[in-house]
Amino acid sequence: MSSIDLGLTHVALAVAELDRSIEFYATFGEFRVVHRRERHAGQGVAWISDGTRPFVIVLLEGREHSGTLSGWAHLGIGVASRDEVDRRLGAAAAAGHAVVGPFDSPPPVGYWGMIADPDGHNLEIAWGQEVGLTVAEAYGGAEAYGGAEPETPAEP
């Protein structure tokens, strides 16, 4: 593996309270902190990852909130089953987070819903999305894309 990153590596989100955001993404997205530092009091930075690829969400505490991933803007994660989508949406609603869905959309979208994080950024939880398959096909198949042939989940 090269020590120099190529391609899409991260997205950064301004957050009011770093620990609160870390807890949210750990609970509902299964992310964990892979790097953390504090530049000044109340201005922490955390890189969080789900460990599935070399990509992180950078949480920037104490920065100006010039916008949020709200409306249709969102981060999206795939989970192993429809039941897991339902479980996470239910847990988020029980914890007081705004939840939209679940919805059952035709391919390549799948079964999905959204949860608003404590700062108003949307996290989509989905099952059955065909992102890997769609990208592999656009790049001429899995070998041309550099990945294993993606599997389309079977209906429950």
Protein backbone atom coordinates (compact mmCIF):
# COMPACT_ATOMS: atom_id res chain seq x y z
CA MET A 1 0.00 0.00 0.00
CA SER A 2 1.29 3.43 -0.92
CA SER A 3 1.88 5.97 1.83
CA ILE A 4 0.42 8.69 -0.39
CA ASP A 5 -3.36 8.81 -0.65
CA LEU A 6 -4.97 9.05 -4.05
CA GLY A 7 -8.65 9.66 -4.81
CA LEU A 8 -11.38 10.62 -2.39
CA THR A 9 -10.04 10.42 1.19
CA HIS A 10 -12.40 12.36 3.47
CA VAL A 11 -15.29 14.70 4.04
CA ALA A 12 -15.18 17.29 6.82
CA LEU A 13 -18.09 18.36 9.02
CA ALA A 14 -18.21 21.25 11.47
CA VAL A 15 -19.61 20.10 14.84
CA ALA A 16 -20.43 21.93 18.05
CA GLU A 17 -19.34 19.22 20.52
CA LEU A 18 -16.75 16.71 19.35
CA ASP A 19 -17.44 13.98 21.92
CA ARG A 20 -21.19 14.13 21.28
CA SER A 21 -20.61 13.71 17.52
CA ILE A 22 -18.12 10.88 18.04
CA GLU A 23 -20.72 9.07 20.18
CA PHE A 24 -23.44 9.57 17.53
CA TYR A 25 -21.33 8.17 14.67
CA ALA A 26 -20.07 5.28 16.83
CA THR A 27 -23.63 4.35 17.82
CA PHE A 28 -25.44 4.68 14.51
CA GLY A 29 -22.64 4.26 11.94
CA GLU A 30 -20.17 1.98 13.75
CA PHE A 31 -17.36 4.50 13.23
CA ARG A 32 -14.39 4.74 15.55
CA VAL A 33 -11.75 7.39 16.09
CA VAL A 34 -8.57 6.72 14.10
CA HIS A 35 -6.90 10.09 14.80
CA ARG A 36 -7.62 12.86 17.30
CA ARG A 37 -5.97 16.12 18.26
CA GLU A 38 -6.82 19.43 19.88
CA ARG A 39 -5.37 22.61 18.43
CA HIS A 40 -6.86 25.00 20.99
CA ALA A 41 -9.35 24.66 23.82
CA GLY A 42 -12.73 23.82 22.28
CA GLN A 43 -11.23 23.24 18.83
CA GLY A 44 -10.69 19.52 18.56
CA VAL A 45 -10.35 17.44 15.42
CA ALA A 46 -11.24 13.77 15.08
CA TRP A 47 -10.94 11.48 12.09
CA ILE A 48 -13.50 8.68 12.27
CA SER A 49 -13.72 5.59 10.06
CA ASP A 50 -15.83 2.47 9.70
CA GLY A 51 -12.68 0.59 8.63
CA THR A 52 -14.13 -0.66 5.33
CA ARG A 53 -11.92 1.53 3.10
CA PRO A 54 -9.27 4.26 3.48
CA PHE A 55 -11.80 7.05 3.97
CA VAL A 56 -12.56 9.19 7.04
CA ILE A 57 -15.08 11.70 8.22
CA VAL A 58 -13.20 14.63 9.74
CA LEU A 59 -15.12 16.17 12.64
CA LEU A 60 -14.07 19.79 13.25
CA GLU A 61 -15.14 21.15 16.61
CA GLY A 62 -15.58 24.84 17.24
CA ARG A 63 -15.57 25.93 13.61
CA GLU A 64 -18.18 28.18 12.08
CA HIS A 65 -21.21 26.21 10.94
CA SER A 66 -21.66 27.61 7.46
CA GLY A 67 -23.98 24.79 6.45
CA THR A 68 -25.14 21.29 7.21
CA LEU A 69 -25.75 18.11 5.29
CA SER A 70 -29.51 18.57 5.50
CA GLY A 71 -32.42 18.14 3.16
CA TRP A 72 -31.20 15.60 0.60
CA ALA A 73 -27.51 16.23 1.40
CA HIS A 74 -26.17 13.34 3.50
CA LEU A 75 -23.50 10.77 4.26
CA GLY A 76 -24.60 7.24 3.42
CA ILE A 77 -23.62 3.88 4.89
CA GLY A 78 -24.66 0.38 3.94
CA VAL A 79 -25.70 -2.23 6.51
CA ALA A 80 -26.19 -6.00 6.30
CA SER A 81 -30.01 -6.22 6.39
CA ARG A 82 -33.35 -4.43 6.27
CA ASP A 83 -33.76 -5.34 9.95
CA GLU A 84 -30.52 -3.49 10.72
CA VAL A 85 -31.85 -0.37 8.97
CA ASP A 86 -35.02 -0.62 11.08
CA ARG A 87 -33.05 -1.24 14.29
CA ARG A 88 -30.79 1.79 13.83
CA LEU A 89 -33.63 4.11 12.81
CA GLY A 90 -35.67 2.94 15.81
CA ALA A 91 -32.77 3.41 18.21
CA ALA A 92 -32.11 6.90 16.83
CA ALA A 93 -35.77 7.92 17.19
CA ALA A 94 -35.81 6.54 20.76
CA ALA A 95 -32.69 8.62 21.51
CA GLY A 96 -34.47 11.78 20.30
CA HIS A 97 -32.86 12.17 16.89
CA ALA A 98 -34.95 13.24 13.90
CA VAL A 99 -35.56 10.22 11.65
CA VAL A 100 -37.04 10.00 8.15
CA GLY A 101 -38.06 6.64 6.72
CA PRO A 102 -37.61 3.82 6.18
CA PHE A 103 -38.36 3.83 2.45
CA ASP A 104 -38.19 0.97 -0.02
CA SER A 105 -36.87 2.30 -3.33
CA PRO A 106 -36.14 0.44 -6.58
CA PRO A 107 -32.56 -0.47 -7.53
CA PRO A 108 -29.97 0.83 -7.24
CA VAL A 109 -31.23 2.72 -4.15
CA GLY A 110 -32.61 -0.04 -1.88
CA TYR A 111 -34.16 0.17 1.59
CA TRP A 112 -33.11 3.29 3.48
CA GLY A 113 -33.80 6.01 6.03
CA MET A 114 -32.05 9.08 7.41
CA ILE A 115 -31.03 10.17 10.89
CA ALA A 116 -30.09 13.76 11.77
CA ASP A 117 -26.93 13.97 13.88
CA PRO A 118 -26.69 16.44 16.80
CA ASP A 119 -25.56 19.24 14.45
CA GLY A 120 -28.20 18.62 11.78
CA HIS A 121 -26.05 16.60 9.34
CA ASN A 122 -27.94 13.67 7.78
CA LEU A 123 -26.69 10.10 8.00
CA GLU A 124 -28.39 7.68 5.62
CA ILE A 125 -28.62 4.04 6.71
CA ALA A 126 -29.29 1.72 3.76
CA TRP A 127 -29.51 -1.91 2.75
CA GLY A 128 -29.39 -3.21 -0.81
CA GLN A 129 -27.82 -0.19 -2.46
CA GLU A 130 -25.78 -1.09 -5.51
CA VAL A 131 -23.04 1.53 -5.27
CA GLY A 132 -20.17 -0.95 -5.68
CA LEU A 133 -21.86 -2.71 -8.60
CA THR A 134 -22.77 0.58 -10.31
CA VAL A 135 -19.23 1.97 -10.00
CA ALA A 136 -17.63 -1.31 -11.11
CA GLU A 137 -19.86 -1.42 -14.19
CA ALA A 138 -19.06 2.21 -15.04
CA TYR A 139 -15.32 1.41 -14.86
CA GLY A 140 -15.57 -1.70 -17.04
CA GLY A 141 -16.09 -4.38 -14.40
CA ALA A 142 -14.56 -5.23 -11.06
CA GLU A 143 -11.07 -5.99 -12.40
CA ALA A 144 -10.86 -2.68 -14.27
CA TYR A 145 -12.13 -0.90 -11.17
CA GLY A 146 -9.61 -2.65 -8.91
CA GLY A 147 -12.05 -4.36 -6.58
CA ALA A 148 -13.74 -7.68 -6.08
CA GLU A 149 -16.97 -8.30 -7.94
CA PRO A 150 -19.67 -6.77 -5.72
CA GLU A 151 -22.53 -8.95 -4.54
CA THR A 152 -26.15 -7.88 -4.82
CA PRO A 153 -27.95 -8.84 -1.60
CA ALA A 154 -30.78 -11.33 -1.83
CA GLU A 155 -34.25 -10.22 -0.78
CA PRO A 156 -35.17 -11.45 2.72
